[in-house]
Amino acid sequence: HEAIELLHLMGAHDAYIARQFARLVLLRSIAGAFGGMVVALLVFFGLALSAQTNIAVDSEAPAMLAGPLLGISDFALLTFLPVAIVAVATVTAWWTVMRALRGIV
């Protein structure tokens, strides 16, 4: 709030201030969302590989350990999740700054 107020007092336009904060959030949320997606996929495939290895060793393993039942369309839908996270974070940052600026008159 203090940074927004200072920029506003220095003469920066509201749209400029909101764009700068939204850009910062955009870059950070891209890194976080896609980094999280990569880690999640690695864990998912690691668990699937582990389940397949356990089944190969123990033929009486429960059927639920047979591995993930996600198809290519499921993975495609899960790929859009980080995009949605980035969009929501960016719009929320812009909206929040614009609302804070309306309070500073």
PDB file of N, CA and C in Angstrom:
ATOM      1  N   HIS A   1       0.825  -1.185   0.000  1.00  0.00           N
ATOM      2  CA  HIS A   1       0.000   0.000   0.000  1.00  0.00           C
ATOM      3  C   HIS A   1       0.874   1.256   0.000  1.00  0.00           C
ATOM      4  N   GLU A   2       1.944   1.216   0.782  1.00  0.00           N
ATOM      5  CA  GLU A   2       2.819   2.388   0.858  1.00  0.00           C
ATOM      6  C   GLU A   2       3.502   2.658  -0.475  1.00  0.00           C
ATOM      7  N   ALA A   3       3.934   1.597  -1.166  1.00  0.00           N
ATOM      8  CA  ALA A   3       4.589   1.766  -2.467  1.00  0.00           C
ATOM      9  C   ALA A   3       3.613   2.345  -3.481  1.00  0.00           C
ATOM     10  N   ILE A   4       2.388   1.868  -3.456  1.00  0.00           N
ATOM     11  CA  ILE A   4       1.368   2.383  -4.377  1.00  0.00           C
ATOM     12  C   ILE A   4       1.098   3.856  -4.085  1.00  0.00           C
ATOM     13  N   GLU A   5       0.975   4.186  -2.821  1.00  0.00           N
ATOM     14  CA  GLU A   5       0.702   5.577  -2.445  1.00  0.00           C
ATOM     15  C   GLU A   5       1.867   6.481  -2.847  1.00  0.00           C
ATOM     16  N   LEU A   6       3.103   6.029  -2.657  1.00  0.00           N
ATOM     17  CA  LEU A   6       4.266   6.822  -3.028  1.00  0.00           C
ATOM     18  C   LEU A   6       4.316   7.063  -4.537  1.00  0.00           C
ATOM     19  N   LEU A   7       4.095   6.021  -5.326  1.00  0.00           N
ATOM     20  CA  LEU A   7       4.081   6.186  -6.778  1.00  0.00           C
ATOM     21  C   LEU A   7       2.984   7.152  -7.213  1.00  0.00           C
ATOM     22  N   HIS A   8       1.849   7.044  -6.566  1.00  0.00           N
ATOM     23  CA  HIS A   8       0.719   7.920  -6.890  1.00  0.00           C
ATOM     24  C   HIS A   8       1.060   9.371  -6.562  1.00  0.00           C
ATOM     25  N   LEU A   9       1.699   9.589  -5.423  1.00  0.00           N
ATOM     26  CA  LEU A   9       2.072  10.954  -5.031  1.00  0.00           C
ATOM     27  C   LEU A   9       3.159  11.526  -5.946  1.00  0.00           C
ATOM     28  N   MET A  10       3.980  10.664  -6.534  1.00  0.00           N
ATOM     29  CA  MET A  10       5.032  11.115  -7.446  1.00  0.00           C
ATOM     30  C   MET A  10       4.469  11.456  -8.820  1.00  0.00           C
ATOM     31  N   GLY A  11       3.211  11.171  -9.055  1.00  0.00           N
ATOM     32  CA  GLY A  11       2.571  11.548 -10.306  1.00  0.00           C
ATOM     33  C   GLY A  11       2.348  10.422 -11.289  1.00  0.00           C
ATOM     34  N   ALA A  12       2.627   9.198 -10.897  1.00  0.00           N
ATOM     35  CA  ALA A  12       2.397   8.075 -11.808  1.00  0.00           C
ATOM     36  C   ALA A  12       0.891   7.874 -11.997  1.00  0.00           C
ATOM     37  N   HIS A  13       0.512   7.563 -13.216  1.00  0.00           N
ATOM     38  CA  HIS A  13      -0.901   7.316 -13.513  1.00  0.00           C
ATOM     39  C   HIS A  13      -1.337   5.985 -12.920  1.00  0.00           C
ATOM     40  N   ASP A  14      -2.612   5.907 -12.588  1.00  0.00           N
ATOM     41  CA  ASP A  14      -3.150   4.699 -11.967  1.00  0.00           C
ATOM     42  C   ASP A  14      -2.931   3.460 -12.830  1.00  0.00           C
ATOM     43  N   ALA A  15      -3.176   3.588 -14.120  1.00  0.00           N
ATOM     44  CA  ALA A  15      -3.028   2.444 -15.023  1.00  0.00           C
ATOM     45  C   ALA A  15      -1.578   1.971 -15.069  1.00  0.00           C
ATOM     46  N   TYR A  16      -0.629   2.901 -15.031  1.00  0.00           N
ATOM     47  CA  TYR A  16       0.791   2.534 -15.042  1.00  0.00           C
ATOM     48  C   TYR A  16       1.154   1.748 -13.790  1.00  0.00           C
ATOM     49  N   ILE A  17       0.714   2.239 -12.645  1.00  0.00           N
ATOM     50  CA  ILE A  17       1.017   1.569 -11.375  1.00  0.00           C
ATOM     51  C   ILE A  17       0.425   0.169 -11.373  1.00  0.00           C
ATOM     52  N   ALA A  18      -0.828   0.058 -11.784  1.00  0.00           N
ATOM     53  CA  ALA A  18      -1.497  -1.254 -11.805  1.00  0.00           C
ATOM     54  C   ALA A  18      -0.798  -2.204 -12.773  1.00  0.00           C
ATOM     55  N   ARG A  19      -0.391  -1.721 -13.936  1.00  0.00           N
ATOM     56  CA  ARG A  19       0.320  -2.567 -14.911  1.00  0.00           C
ATOM     57  C   ARG A  19       1.638  -3.078 -14.357  1.00  0.00           C
ATOM     58  N   GLN A  20       2.363  -2.219 -13.647  1.00  0.00           N
ATOM     59  CA  GLN A  20       3.662  -2.621 -13.103  1.00  0.00           C
ATOM     60  C   GLN A  20       3.501  -3.718 -12.046  1.00  0.00           C
ATOM     61  N   PHE A  21       2.531  -3.572 -11.176  1.00  0.00           N
ATOM     62  CA  PHE A  21       2.302  -4.597 -10.162  1.00  0.00           C
ATOM     63  C   PHE A  21       1.778  -5.883 -10.794  1.00  0.00           C
ATOM     64  N   ALA A  22       0.872  -5.745 -11.763  1.00  0.00           N
ATOM     65  CA  ALA A  22       0.337  -6.929 -12.440  1.00  0.00           C
ATOM     66  C   ALA A  22       1.451  -7.662 -13.190  1.00  0.00           C
ATOM     67  N   ARG A  23       2.377  -6.920 -13.801  1.00  0.00           N
ATOM     68  CA  ARG A  23       3.496  -7.542 -14.524  1.00  0.00           C
ATOM     69  C   ARG A  23       4.392  -8.317 -13.555  1.00  0.00           C
ATOM     70  N   LEU A  24       4.666  -7.733 -12.397  1.00  0.00           N
ATOM     71  CA  LEU A  24       5.479  -8.409 -11.389  1.00  0.00           C
ATOM     72  C   LEU A  24       4.814  -9.705 -10.934  1.00  0.00           C
ATOM     73  N   VAL A  25       3.524  -9.630 -10.667  1.00  0.00           N
ATOM     74  CA  VAL A  25       2.782 -10.828 -10.245  1.00  0.00           C
ATOM     75  C   VAL A  25       2.732 -11.845 -11.376  1.00  0.00           C
ATOM     76  N   LEU A  26       2.577 -11.386 -12.603  1.00  0.00           N
ATOM     77  CA  LEU A  26       2.550 -12.280 -13.757  1.00  0.00           C
ATOM     78  C   LEU A  26       3.834 -13.092 -13.842  1.00  0.00           C
ATOM     79  N   LEU A  27       4.966 -12.432 -13.763  1.00  0.00           N
ATOM     80  CA  LEU A  27       6.247 -13.132 -13.880  1.00  0.00           C
ATOM     81  C   LEU A  27       6.466 -14.113 -12.733  1.00  0.00           C
ATOM     82  N   ARG A  28       6.120 -13.702 -11.535  1.00  0.00           N
ATOM     83  CA  ARG A  28       6.307 -14.591 -10.379  1.00  0.00           C
ATOM     84  C   ARG A  28       5.324 -15.759 -10.402  1.00  0.00           C
ATOM     85  N   SER A  29       4.105 -15.505 -10.828  1.00  0.00           N
ATOM     86  CA  SER A  29       3.129 -16.599 -10.856  1.00  0.00           C
ATOM     87  C   SER A  29       3.436 -17.582 -11.981  1.00  0.00           C
ATOM     88  N   ILE A  30       4.011 -17.118 -13.087  1.00  0.00           N
ATOM     89  CA  ILE A  30       4.431 -18.038 -14.153  1.00  0.00           C
ATOM     90  C   ILE A  30       5.493 -18.985 -13.616  1.00  0.00           C
ATOM     91  N   ALA A  31       6.482 -18.427 -12.937  1.00  0.00           N
ATOM     92  CA  ALA A  31       7.550 -19.264 -12.380  1.00  0.00           C
ATOM     93  C   ALA A  31       6.990 -20.260 -11.367  1.00  0.00           C
ATOM     94  N   GLY A  32       6.127 -19.789 -10.491  1.00  0.00           N
ATOM     95  CA  GLY A  32       5.568 -20.670  -9.460  1.00  0.00           C
ATOM     96  C   GLY A  32       4.633 -21.729 -10.008  1.00  0.00           C
ATOM     97  N   ALA A  33       3.736 -21.341 -10.902  1.00  0.00           N
ATOM     98  CA  ALA A  33       2.742 -22.282 -11.430  1.00  0.00           C
ATOM     99  C   ALA A  33       3.390 -23.369 -12.282  1.00  0.00           C
ATOM    100  N   PHE A  34       4.275 -22.962 -13.183  1.00  0.00           N
ATOM    101  CA  PHE A  34       4.888 -23.965 -14.053  1.00  0.00           C
ATOM    102  C   PHE A  34       5.949 -24.774 -13.324  1.00  0.00           C
ATOM    103  N   GLY A  35       6.635 -24.160 -12.368  1.00  0.00           N
ATOM    104  CA  GLY A  35       7.556 -24.933 -11.531  1.00  0.00           C
ATOM    105  C   GLY A  35       6.811 -25.974 -10.713  1.00  0.00           C
ATOM    106  N   GLY A  36       5.682 -25.581 -10.166  1.00  0.00           N
ATOM    107  CA  GLY A  36       4.852 -26.528  -9.413  1.00  0.00           C
ATOM    108  C   GLY A  36       4.308 -27.640 -10.287  1.00  0.00           C
ATOM    109  N   MET A  37       3.956 -27.299 -11.523  1.00  0.00           N
ATOM    110  CA  MET A  37       3.447 -28.320 -12.442  1.00  0.00           C
ATOM    111  C   MET A  37       4.531 -29.347 -12.763  1.00  0.00           C
ATOM    112  N   VAL A  38       5.750 -28.881 -12.977  1.00  0.00           N
ATOM    113  CA  VAL A  38       6.853 -29.804 -13.282  1.00  0.00           C
ATOM    114  C   VAL A  38       7.110 -30.730 -12.100  1.00  0.00           C
ATOM    115  N   VAL A  39       7.147 -30.186 -10.903  1.00  0.00           N
ATOM    116  CA  VAL A  39       7.372 -31.012  -9.715  1.00  0.00           C
ATOM    117  C   VAL A  39       6.233 -32.013  -9.538  1.00  0.00           C
ATOM    118  N   ALA A  40       5.002 -31.568  -9.724  1.00  0.00           N
ATOM    119  CA  ALA A  40       3.852 -32.466  -9.584  1.00  0.00           C
ATOM    120  C   ALA A  40       3.907 -33.605 -10.598  1.00  0.00           C
ATOM    121  N   LEU A  41       4.268 -33.294 -11.837  1.00  0.00           N
ATOM    122  CA  LEU A  41       4.378 -34.347 -12.851  1.00  0.00           C
ATOM    123  C   LEU A  41       5.484 -35.338 -12.524  1.00  0.00           C
ATOM    124  N   LEU A  42       6.610 -34.844 -12.029  1.00  0.00           N
ATOM    125  CA  LEU A  42       7.696 -35.739 -11.634  1.00  0.00           C
ATOM    126  C   LEU A  42       7.264 -36.672 -10.496  1.00  0.00           C
ATOM    127  N   VAL A  43       6.575 -36.121  -9.519  1.00  0.00           N
ATOM    128  CA  VAL A  43       6.086 -36.941  -8.414  1.00  0.00           C
ATOM    129  C   VAL A  43       5.066 -37.950  -8.918  1.00  0.00           C
ATOM    130  N   PHE A  44       4.156 -37.503  -9.764  1.00  0.00           N
ATOM    131  CA  PHE A  44       3.113 -38.391 -10.295  1.00  0.00           C
ATOM    132  C   PHE A  44       3.722 -39.563 -11.044  1.00  0.00           C
ATOM    133  N   PHE A  45       4.660 -39.264 -11.954  1.00  0.00           N
ATOM    134  CA  PHE A  45       5.278 -40.343 -12.721  1.00  0.00           C
ATOM    135  C   PHE A  45       6.203 -41.197 -11.856  1.00  0.00           C
ATOM    136  N   GLY A  46       6.816 -40.596 -10.857  1.00  0.00           N
ATOM    137  CA  GLY A  46       7.631 -41.379  -9.927  1.00  0.00           C
ATOM    138  C   GLY A  46       6.788 -42.369  -9.145  1.00  0.00           C
ATOM    139  N   LEU A  47       5.628 -41.939  -8.687  1.00  0.00           N
ATOM    140  CA  LEU A  47       4.720 -42.848  -7.973  1.00  0.00           C
ATOM    141  C   LEU A  47       4.193 -43.946  -8.893  1.00  0.00           C
ATOM    142  N   ALA A  48       3.897 -43.574 -10.137  1.00  0.00           N
ATOM    143  CA  ALA A  48       3.415 -44.564 -11.098  1.00  0.00           C
ATOM    144  C   ALA A  48       4.492 -45.603 -11.379  1.00  0.00           C
ATOM    145  N   LEU A  49       5.721 -45.158 -11.545  1.00  0.00           N
ATOM    146  CA  LEU A  49       6.831 -46.079 -11.781  1.00  0.00           C
ATOM    147  C   LEU A  49       7.060 -46.976 -10.581  1.00  0.00           C
ATOM    148  N   SER A  50       6.972 -46.399  -9.392  1.00  0.00           N
ATOM    149  CA  SER A  50       7.132 -47.180  -8.170  1.00  0.00           C
ATOM    150  C   SER A  50       6.033 -48.223  -8.037  1.00  0.00           C
ATOM    151  N   ALA A  51       4.803 -47.840  -8.374  1.00  0.00           N
ATOM    152  CA  ALA A  51       3.686 -48.786  -8.292  1.00  0.00           C
ATOM    153  C   ALA A  51       3.880 -49.927  -9.271  1.00  0.00           C
ATOM    154  N   GLN A  52       4.343 -49.641 -10.477  1.00  0.00           N
ATOM    155  CA  GLN A  52       4.574 -50.693 -11.466  1.00  0.00           C
ATOM    156  C   GLN A  52       5.692 -51.628 -11.030  1.00  0.00           C
ATOM    157  N   THR A  53       6.720 -51.087 -10.401  1.00  0.00           N
ATOM    158  CA  THR A  53       7.830 -51.904  -9.911  1.00  0.00           C
ATOM    159  C   THR A  53       7.347 -52.814  -8.794  1.00  0.00           C
ATOM    160  N   ASN A  54       6.519 -52.297  -7.901  1.00  0.00           N
ATOM    161  CA  ASN A  54       6.003 -53.108  -6.801  1.00  0.00           C
ATOM    162  C   ASN A  54       5.090 -54.214  -7.304  1.00  0.00           C
ATOM    163  N   ILE A  55       4.308 -53.931  -8.326  1.00  0.00           N
ATOM    164  CA  ILE A  55       3.405 -54.944  -8.870  1.00  0.00           C
ATOM    165  C   ILE A  55       4.207 -56.046  -9.558  1.00  0.00           C
ATOM    166  N   ALA A  56       5.279 -55.653 -10.247  1.00  0.00           N
ATOM    167  CA  ALA A  56       6.103 -56.658 -10.919  1.00  0.00           C
ATOM    168  C   ALA A  56       6.748 -57.602  -9.915  1.00  0.00           C
ATOM    169  N   VAL A  57       7.076 -57.098  -8.730  1.00  0.00           N
ATOM    170  CA  VAL A  57       7.709 -57.923  -7.697  1.00  0.00           C
ATOM    171  C   VAL A  57       6.660 -58.771  -6.986  1.00  0.00           C
ATOM    172  N   ASP A  58       5.509 -58.184  -6.679  1.00  0.00           N
ATOM    173  CA  ASP A  58       4.466 -58.867  -5.911  1.00  0.00           C
ATOM    174  C   ASP A  58       3.220 -58.995  -6.784  1.00  0.00           C
ATOM    175  N   SER A  59       2.980 -60.177  -7.304  1.00  0.00           N
ATOM    176  CA  SER A  59       1.853 -60.371  -8.218  1.00  0.00           C
ATOM    177  C   SER A  59       0.505 -60.297  -7.508  1.00  0.00           C
ATOM    178  N   GLU A  60       0.482 -60.309  -6.189  1.00  0.00           N
ATOM    179  CA  GLU A  60      -0.773 -60.228  -5.443  1.00  0.00           C
ATOM    180  C   GLU A  60      -1.035 -58.817  -4.920  1.00  0.00           C
ATOM    181  N   ALA A  61      -0.411 -57.823  -5.508  1.00  0.00           N
ATOM    182  CA  ALA A  61      -0.619 -56.433  -5.091  1.00  0.00           C
ATOM    183  C   ALA A  61      -2.040 -56.001  -5.449  1.00  0.00           C
ATOM    184  N   PRO A  62      -2.605 -55.118  -4.647  1.00  0.00           N
ATOM    185  CA  PRO A  62      -3.967 -54.638  -4.945  1.00  0.00           C
ATOM    186  C   PRO A  62      -4.050 -53.970  -6.311  1.00  0.00           C
ATOM    187  N   ALA A  63      -5.208 -54.053  -6.920  1.00  0.00           N
ATOM    188  CA  ALA A  63      -5.414 -53.491  -8.255  1.00  0.00           C
ATOM    189  C   ALA A  63      -5.275 -51.976  -8.272  1.00  0.00           C
ATOM    190  N   MET A  64      -5.536 -51.324  -7.137  1.00  0.00           N
ATOM    191  CA  MET A  64      -5.447 -49.867  -7.112  1.00  0.00           C
ATOM    192  C   MET A  64      -4.009 -49.372  -7.232  1.00  0.00           C
ATOM    193  N   LEU A  65      -3.038 -50.252  -7.062  1.00  0.00           N
ATOM    194  CA  LEU A  65      -1.641 -49.876  -7.225  1.00  0.00           C
ATOM    195  C   LEU A  65      -1.159 -50.090  -8.655  1.00  0.00           C
ATOM    196  N   ALA A  66      -2.082 -50.346  -9.557  1.00  0.00           N
ATOM    197  CA  ALA A  66      -1.712 -50.652 -10.940  1.00  0.00           C
ATOM    198  C   ALA A  66      -1.204 -49.427 -11.690  1.00  0.00           C
ATOM    199  N   GLY A  67      -1.271 -48.271 -11.092  1.00  0.00           N
ATOM    200  CA  GLY A  67      -0.763 -47.073 -11.743  1.00  0.00           C
ATOM    201  C   GLY A  67      -1.876 -46.096 -12.035  1.00  0.00           C
ATOM    202  N   PRO A  68      -1.522 -44.933 -12.485  1.00  0.00           N
ATOM    203  CA  PRO A  68      -2.523 -43.900 -12.734  1.00  0.00           C
ATOM    204  C   PRO A  68      -3.398 -44.239 -13.933  1.00  0.00           C
ATOM    205  N   LEU A  69      -4.625 -43.843 -13.830  1.00  0.00           N
ATOM    206  CA  LEU A  69      -5.568 -44.098 -14.911  1.00  0.00           C
ATOM    207  C   LEU A  69      -5.899 -42.807 -15.644  1.00  0.00           C
ATOM    208  N   LEU A  70      -4.916 -41.959 -15.823  1.00  0.00           N
ATOM    209  CA  LEU A  70      -5.126 -40.706 -16.528  1.00  0.00           C
ATOM    210  C   LEU A  70      -4.721 -40.867 -17.981  1.00  0.00           C
ATOM    211  N   GLY A  71      -5.568 -40.382 -18.852  1.00  0.00           N
ATOM    212  CA  GLY A  71      -5.268 -40.425 -20.274  1.00  0.00           C
ATOM    213  C   GLY A  71      -4.607 -39.140 -20.727  1.00  0.00           C
ATOM    214  N   ILE A  72      -4.320 -39.075 -21.997  1.00  0.00           N
ATOM    215  CA  ILE A  72      -3.665 -37.895 -22.554  1.00  0.00           C
ATOM    216  C   ILE A  72      -4.558 -36.663 -22.448  1.00  0.00           C
ATOM    217  N   SER A  73      -5.867 -36.844 -22.575  1.00  0.00           N
ATOM    218  CA  SER A  73      -6.777 -35.693 -22.447  1.00  0.00           C
ATOM    219  C   SER A  73      -6.792 -35.158 -21.018  1.00  0.00           C
ATOM    220  N   ASP A  74      -6.635 -36.061 -20.041  1.00  0.00           N
ATOM    221  CA  ASP A  74      -6.570 -35.615 -18.643  1.00  0.00           C
ATOM    222  C   ASP A  74      -5.322 -34.774 -18.402  1.00  0.00           C
ATOM    223  N   PHE A  75      -4.206 -35.204 -18.951  1.00  0.00           N
ATOM    224  CA  PHE A  75      -2.976 -34.435 -18.800  1.00  0.00           C
ATOM    225  C   PHE A  75      -3.069 -33.101 -19.533  1.00  0.00           C
ATOM    226  N   ALA A  76      -3.758 -33.079 -20.660  1.00  0.00           N
ATOM    227  CA  ALA A  76      -3.948 -31.820 -21.388  1.00  0.00           C
ATOM    228  C   ALA A  76      -4.767 -30.840 -20.550  1.00  0.00           C
ATOM    229  N   LEU A  77      -5.802 -31.335 -19.896  1.00  0.00           N
ATOM    230  CA  LEU A  77      -6.605 -30.469 -19.028  1.00  0.00           C
ATOM    231  C   LEU A  77      -5.790 -29.982 -17.839  1.00  0.00           C
ATOM    232  N   LEU A  78      -4.968 -30.846 -17.277  1.00  0.00           N
ATOM    233  CA  LEU A  78      -4.137 -30.450 -16.142  1.00  0.00           C
ATOM    234  C   LEU A  78      -3.077 -29.426 -16.545  1.00  0.00           C
ATOM    235  N   THR A  79      -2.719 -29.405 -17.803  1.00  0.00           N
ATOM    236  CA  THR A  79      -1.748 -28.427 -18.285  1.00  0.00           C
ATOM    237  C   THR A  79      -2.332 -27.023 -18.265  1.00  0.00           C
ATOM    238  N   PHE A  80      -3.632 -26.894 -18.409  1.00  0.00           N
ATOM    239  CA  PHE A  80      -4.264 -25.581 -18.402  1.00  0.00           C
ATOM    240  C   PHE A  80      -4.405 -25.004 -17.000  1.00  0.00           C
ATOM    241  N   LEU A  81      -4.208 -25.810 -15.974  1.00  0.00           N
ATOM    242  CA  LEU A  81      -4.326 -25.327 -14.597  1.00  0.00           C
ATOM    243  C   LEU A  81      -3.318 -24.221 -14.289  1.00  0.00           C
ATOM    244  N   PRO A  82      -2.039 -24.365 -14.614  1.00  0.00           N
ATOM    245  CA  PRO A  82      -1.104 -23.259 -14.358  1.00  0.00           C
ATOM    246  C   PRO A  82      -1.467 -21.992 -15.123  1.00  0.00           C
ATOM    247  N   VAL A  83      -1.996 -22.144 -16.322  1.00  0.00           N
ATOM    248  CA  VAL A  83      -2.402 -20.968 -17.105  1.00  0.00           C
ATOM    249  C   VAL A  83      -3.531 -20.235 -16.375  1.00  0.00           C
ATOM    250  N   ALA A  84      -4.470 -20.984 -15.845  1.00  0.00           N
ATOM    251  CA  ALA A  84      -5.578 -20.380 -15.103  1.00  0.00           C
ATOM    252  C   ALA A  84      -5.079 -19.709 -13.828  1.00  0.00           C
ATOM    253  N   ILE A  85      -4.128 -20.322 -13.147  1.00  0.00           N
ATOM    254  CA  ILE A  85      -3.566 -19.747 -11.926  1.00  0.00           C
ATOM    255  C   ILE A  85      -2.885 -18.420 -12.232  1.00  0.00           C
ATOM    256  N   VAL A  86      -2.115 -18.387 -13.303  1.00  0.00           N
ATOM    257  CA  VAL A  86      -1.412 -17.160 -13.699  1.00  0.00           C
ATOM    258  C   VAL A  86      -2.420 -16.069 -14.044  1.00  0.00           C
ATOM    259  N   ALA A  87      -3.459 -16.413 -14.770  1.00  0.00           N
ATOM    260  CA  ALA A  87      -4.467 -15.418 -15.158  1.00  0.00           C
ATOM    261  C   ALA A  87      -5.185 -14.850 -13.941  1.00  0.00           C
ATOM    262  N   VAL A  88      -5.583 -15.703 -13.027  1.00  0.00           N
ATOM    263  CA  VAL A  88      -6.289 -15.243 -11.832  1.00  0.00           C
ATOM    264  C   VAL A  88      -5.379 -14.360 -10.981  1.00  0.00           C
ATOM    265  N   ALA A  89      -4.128 -14.760 -10.801  1.00  0.00           N
ATOM    266  CA  ALA A  89      -3.200 -13.969  -9.994  1.00  0.00           C
ATOM    267  C   ALA A  89      -2.964 -12.596 -10.601  1.00  0.00           C
ATOM    268  N   THR A  90      -2.784 -12.542 -11.911  1.00  0.00           N
ATOM    269  CA  THR A  90      -2.500 -11.264 -12.579  1.00  0.00           C
ATOM    270  C   THR A  90      -3.699 -10.329 -12.514  1.00  0.00           C
ATOM    271  N   VAL A  91      -4.865 -10.838 -12.822  1.00  0.00           N
ATOM    272  CA  VAL A  91      -6.074  -9.998 -12.780  1.00  0.00           C
ATOM    273  C   VAL A  91      -6.357  -9.536 -11.352  1.00  0.00           C
ATOM    274  N   THR A  92      -6.142 -10.412 -10.381  1.00  0.00           N
ATOM    275  CA  THR A  92      -6.364 -10.037  -8.988  1.00  0.00           C
ATOM    276  C   THR A  92      -5.402  -8.944  -8.549  1.00  0.00           C
ATOM    277  N   ALA A  93      -4.143  -9.043  -8.955  1.00  0.00           N
ATOM    278  CA  ALA A  93      -3.168  -8.003  -8.601  1.00  0.00           C
ATOM    279  C   ALA A  93      -3.570  -6.670  -9.217  1.00  0.00           C
ATOM    280  N   TRP A  94      -3.938  -6.666 -10.487  1.00  0.00           N
ATOM    281  CA  TRP A  94      -4.338  -5.429 -11.160  1.00  0.00           C
ATOM    282  C   TRP A  94      -5.560  -4.819 -10.486  1.00  0.00           C
ATOM    283  N   TRP A  95      -6.557  -5.661 -10.218  1.00  0.00           N
ATOM    284  CA  TRP A  95      -7.804  -5.192  -9.600  1.00  0.00           C
ATOM    285  C   TRP A  95      -7.554  -4.645  -8.200  1.00  0.00           C
ATOM    286  N   THR A  96      -6.710  -5.314  -7.439  1.00  0.00           N
ATOM    287  CA  THR A  96      -6.410  -4.874  -6.069  1.00  0.00           C
ATOM    288  C   THR A  96      -5.706  -3.518  -6.064  1.00  0.00           C
ATOM    289  N   VAL A  97      -4.753  -3.340  -6.944  1.00  0.00           N
ATOM    290  CA  VAL A  97      -4.039  -2.057  -7.025  1.00  0.00           C
ATOM    291  C   VAL A  97      -4.988  -0.958  -7.483  1.00  0.00           C
ATOM    292  N   MET A  98      -5.812  -1.221  -8.465  1.00  0.00           N
ATOM    293  CA  MET A  98      -6.763  -0.197  -8.923  1.00  0.00           C
ATOM    294  C   MET A  98      -7.730   0.178  -7.796  1.00  0.00           C
ATOM    295  N   ARG A  99      -8.148  -0.788  -7.020  1.00  0.00           N
ATOM    296  CA  ARG A  99      -9.063  -0.499  -5.912  1.00  0.00           C
ATOM    297  C   ARG A  99      -8.357   0.322  -4.827  1.00  0.00           C
ATOM    298  N   ALA A 100      -7.086  -0.015  -4.561  1.00  0.00           N
ATOM    299  CA  ALA A 100      -6.323   0.755  -3.580  1.00  0.00           C
ATOM    300  C   ALA A 100      -6.120   2.188  -4.059  1.00  0.00           C
ATOM    301  N   LEU A 101      -5.911   2.362  -5.365  1.00  0.00           N
ATOM    302  CA  LEU A 101      -5.707   3.693  -5.914  1.00  0.00           C
ATOM    303  C   LEU A 101      -6.983   4.543  -5.855  1.00  0.00           C
ATOM    304  N   ARG A 102      -8.122   3.901  -5.968  1.00  0.00           N
ATOM    305  CA  ARG A 102      -9.381   4.636  -5.852  1.00  0.00           C
ATOM    306  C   ARG A 102      -9.537   5.222  -4.449  1.00  0.00           C
ATOM    307  N   GLY A 103      -8.957   4.510  -3.469  1.00  0.00           N
ATOM    308  CA  GLY A 103      -9.031   5.008  -2.071  1.00  0.00           C
ATOM    309  C   GLY A 103      -8.083   6.157  -1.802  1.00  0.00           C
ATOM    310  N   ILE A 104      -7.069   6.327  -2.657  1.00  0.00           N
ATOM    311  CA  ILE A 104      -6.108   7.414  -2.496  1.00  0.00           C
ATOM    312  C   ILE A 104      -6.556   8.563  -3.394  1.00  0.00           C
ATOM    313  N   VAL A 105      -7.049   9.578  -2.812  1.00  0.00           N
ATOM    314  CA  VAL A 105      -7.517  10.711  -3.622  1.00  0.00           C
ATOM    315  C   VAL A 105      -6.782  11.961  -3.264  1.00  0.00           C
TER     316      VAL A 105
END
